[in-house]
Amino acid sequence: MPAARPPEFRRRAVELARLGEKPVAAIAKDLGISESCLRNWMAKDDVDAGRTEGLSSPERAELIRLRRENRVQAMEIEILKRASAYFARENVLPKGSDPK
């Protein structure tokens, strides 16, 4: 897998491609990246700038974070359900508590 390029490099590559002085394939070759990579960066820039529909980078990052939190909470709920079922089945009272 090729090394990730810094955001400034990506931004400048997209700007060069948008100028239209050279074909996208030529610009990509000059920069040492694939044409599809440059086109993906351009599509992502279109979404981030609001020119096309889709999730922007901040929205995508938030969605990933929320999905991760949801998975953790679902696991916690499952653990609590199992613990609750165990204690209900065994009818165990916490130690040190008298029902008097």
C-alpha atoms as a PDB file:
ATOM      1  CA  MET A   1       0.000   0.000   0.000  1.00  0.00           C
ATOM      2  CA  PRO A   2       1.443   3.404  -0.908  1.00  0.00           C
ATOM      3  CA  ALA A   3       2.314   5.873   1.810  1.00  0.00           C
ATOM      4  CA  ALA A   4      -0.372   8.348   2.820  1.00  0.00           C
ATOM      5  CA  ARG A   5       0.114  11.848   1.472  1.00  0.00           C
ATOM      6  CA  PRO A   6      -0.199  14.929   3.688  1.00  0.00           C
ATOM      7  CA  PRO A   7      -3.404  16.978   3.419  1.00  0.00           C
ATOM      8  CA  GLU A   8      -1.553  19.935   1.866  1.00  0.00           C
ATOM      9  CA  PHE A   9      -0.225  17.687  -0.922  1.00  0.00           C
ATOM     10  CA  ARG A  10      -3.736  16.393  -1.583  1.00  0.00           C
ATOM     11  CA  ARG A  11      -5.226  19.875  -1.604  1.00  0.00           C
ATOM     12  CA  ARG A  12      -2.603  21.171  -4.030  1.00  0.00           C
ATOM     13  CA  ALA A  13      -2.987  18.125  -6.303  1.00  0.00           C
ATOM     14  CA  VAL A  14      -6.744  18.726  -6.498  1.00  0.00           C
ATOM     15  CA  GLU A  15      -6.161  22.402  -7.259  1.00  0.00           C
ATOM     16  CA  LEU A  16      -3.788  21.493 -10.106  1.00  0.00           C
ATOM     17  CA  ALA A  17      -6.303  19.045 -11.527  1.00  0.00           C
ATOM     18  CA  ARG A  18      -9.108  21.588 -11.335  1.00  0.00           C
ATOM     19  CA  LEU A  19      -7.073  24.177 -13.274  1.00  0.00           C
ATOM     20  CA  GLY A  20      -7.444  21.946 -16.314  1.00  0.00           C
ATOM     21  CA  GLU A  21      -4.089  22.862 -17.831  1.00  0.00           C
ATOM     22  CA  LYS A  22      -3.184  19.163 -18.126  1.00  0.00           C
ATOM     23  CA  PRO A  23      -5.246  15.977 -18.172  1.00  0.00           C
ATOM     24  CA  VAL A  24      -5.841  14.381 -14.772  1.00  0.00           C
ATOM     25  CA  ALA A  25      -3.833  11.330 -15.815  1.00  0.00           C
ATOM     26  CA  ALA A  26      -0.778  13.471 -16.635  1.00  0.00           C
ATOM     27  CA  ILE A  27      -0.980  15.382 -13.351  1.00  0.00           C
ATOM     28  CA  ALA A  28      -1.296  12.149 -11.396  1.00  0.00           C
ATOM     29  CA  LYS A  29       1.705  10.647 -13.179  1.00  0.00           C
ATOM     30  CA  ASP A  30       3.784  13.792 -12.539  1.00  0.00           C
ATOM     31  CA  LEU A  31       2.905  13.637  -8.836  1.00  0.00           C
ATOM     32  CA  GLY A  32       3.627   9.919  -8.562  1.00  0.00           C
ATOM     33  CA  ILE A  33       0.088   8.863  -7.702  1.00  0.00           C
ATOM     34  CA  SER A  34      -2.510   6.882  -9.595  1.00  0.00           C
ATOM     35  CA  GLU A  35      -5.176   8.582 -11.639  1.00  0.00           C
ATOM     36  CA  SER A  36      -7.923   6.899  -9.623  1.00  0.00           C
ATOM     37  CA  CYS A  37      -6.362   8.207  -6.409  1.00  0.00           C
ATOM     38  CA  LEU A  38      -6.429  11.777  -7.706  1.00  0.00           C
ATOM     39  CA  ARG A  39      -9.990  11.372  -8.938  1.00  0.00           C
ATOM     40  CA  ASN A  40     -11.020  10.041  -5.492  1.00  0.00           C
ATOM     41  CA  TRP A  41      -9.419  13.087  -3.853  1.00  0.00           C
ATOM     42  CA  MET A  42     -11.312  15.341  -6.262  1.00  0.00           C
ATOM     43  CA  ALA A  43     -14.610  13.597  -5.497  1.00  0.00           C
ATOM     44  CA  LYS A  44     -13.975  13.900  -1.763  1.00  0.00           C
ATOM     45  CA  ASP A  45     -13.178  17.593  -2.203  1.00  0.00           C
ATOM     46  CA  ASP A  46     -16.459  18.053  -4.091  1.00  0.00           C
ATOM     47  CA  VAL A  47     -18.383  16.532  -1.180  1.00  0.00           C
ATOM     48  CA  ASP A  48     -16.465  18.537   1.441  1.00  0.00           C
ATOM     49  CA  ALA A  49     -17.084  21.759  -0.501  1.00  0.00           C
ATOM     50  CA  GLY A  50     -20.794  20.975  -0.877  1.00  0.00           C
ATOM     51  CA  ARG A  51     -20.720  20.696  -4.668  1.00  0.00           C
ATOM     52  CA  THR A  52     -22.058  17.124  -4.557  1.00  0.00           C
ATOM     53  CA  GLU A  53     -24.151  15.073  -2.143  1.00  0.00           C
ATOM     54  CA  GLY A  54     -22.514  12.835   0.432  1.00  0.00           C
ATOM     55  CA  LEU A  55     -20.880  12.764   3.840  1.00  0.00           C
ATOM     56  CA  SER A  56     -18.174  15.355   4.371  1.00  0.00           C
ATOM     57  CA  SER A  57     -14.973  14.404   6.170  1.00  0.00           C
ATOM     58  CA  PRO A  58     -16.090  15.763   9.578  1.00  0.00           C
ATOM     59  CA  GLU A  59     -19.477  14.042   9.223  1.00  0.00           C
ATOM     60  CA  ARG A  60     -17.787  10.751   8.302  1.00  0.00           C
ATOM     61  CA  ALA A  61     -15.450  11.021  11.318  1.00  0.00           C
ATOM     62  CA  GLU A  62     -18.430  11.684  13.602  1.00  0.00           C
ATOM     63  CA  LEU A  63     -20.331   8.731  12.134  1.00  0.00           C
ATOM     64  CA  ILE A  64     -17.357   6.428  12.766  1.00  0.00           C
ATOM     65  CA  ARG A  65     -17.065   7.709  16.354  1.00  0.00           C
ATOM     66  CA  LEU A  66     -20.785   7.260  17.016  1.00  0.00           C
ATOM     67  CA  ARG A  67     -20.820   3.753  15.552  1.00  0.00           C
ATOM     68  CA  ARG A  68     -17.876   2.819  17.779  1.00  0.00           C
ATOM     69  CA  GLU A  69     -19.651   4.223  20.850  1.00  0.00           C
ATOM     70  CA  ASN A  70     -22.817   2.336  19.862  1.00  0.00           C
ATOM     71  CA  ARG A  71     -20.883  -0.964  19.652  1.00  0.00           C
ATOM     72  CA  VAL A  72     -19.347  -0.401  23.089  1.00  0.00           C
ATOM     73  CA  GLN A  73     -22.705   0.457  24.628  1.00  0.00           C
ATOM     74  CA  ALA A  74     -24.334  -2.600  23.041  1.00  0.00           C
ATOM     75  CA  MET A  75     -21.629  -4.813  24.574  1.00  0.00           C
ATOM     76  CA  GLU A  76     -22.096  -3.154  27.963  1.00  0.00           C
ATOM     77  CA  ILE A  77     -25.863  -3.696  27.785  1.00  0.00           C
ATOM     78  CA  GLU A  78     -25.349  -7.356  26.898  1.00  0.00           C
ATOM     79  CA  ILE A  79     -23.002  -7.824  29.858  1.00  0.00           C
ATOM     80  CA  LEU A  80     -25.523  -6.185  32.202  1.00  0.00           C
ATOM     81  CA  LYS A  81     -28.355  -8.344  30.844  1.00  0.00           C
ATOM     82  CA  ARG A  82     -26.351 -11.503  31.445  1.00  0.00           C
ATOM     83  CA  ALA A  83     -25.370 -10.409  34.948  1.00  0.00           C
ATOM     84  CA  SER A  84     -28.975  -9.523  35.739  1.00  0.00           C
ATOM     85  CA  ALA A  85     -30.194 -12.888  34.444  1.00  0.00           C
ATOM     86  CA  TYR A  86     -27.533 -14.702  36.475  1.00  0.00           C
ATOM     87  CA  PHE A  87     -28.475 -12.969  39.724  1.00  0.00           C
ATOM     88  CA  ALA A  88     -32.203 -13.364  39.065  1.00  0.00           C
ATOM     89  CA  ARG A  89     -31.766 -17.078  38.349  1.00  0.00           C
ATOM     90  CA  GLU A  90     -29.615 -17.694  41.419  1.00  0.00           C
ATOM     91  CA  ASN A  91     -31.749 -15.389  43.576  1.00  0.00           C
ATOM     92  CA  VAL A  92     -28.590 -14.148  45.249  1.00  0.00           C
ATOM     93  CA  LEU A  93     -28.736 -11.247  47.648  1.00  0.00           C
ATOM     94  CA  PRO A  94     -25.720  -8.961  47.923  1.00  0.00           C
ATOM     95  CA  LYS A  95     -23.458  -9.863  50.859  1.00  0.00           C
ATOM     96  CA  GLY A  96     -23.957  -7.934  54.036  1.00  0.00           C
ATOM     97  CA  SER A  97     -27.610  -7.082  53.430  1.00  0.00           C
ATOM     98  CA  ASP A  98     -30.190  -8.643  55.702  1.00  0.00           C
ATOM     99  CA  PRO A  99     -33.816  -8.697  54.562  1.00  0.00           C
ATOM    100  CA  LYS A 100     -35.002  -7.872  58.155  1.00  0.00           C
END
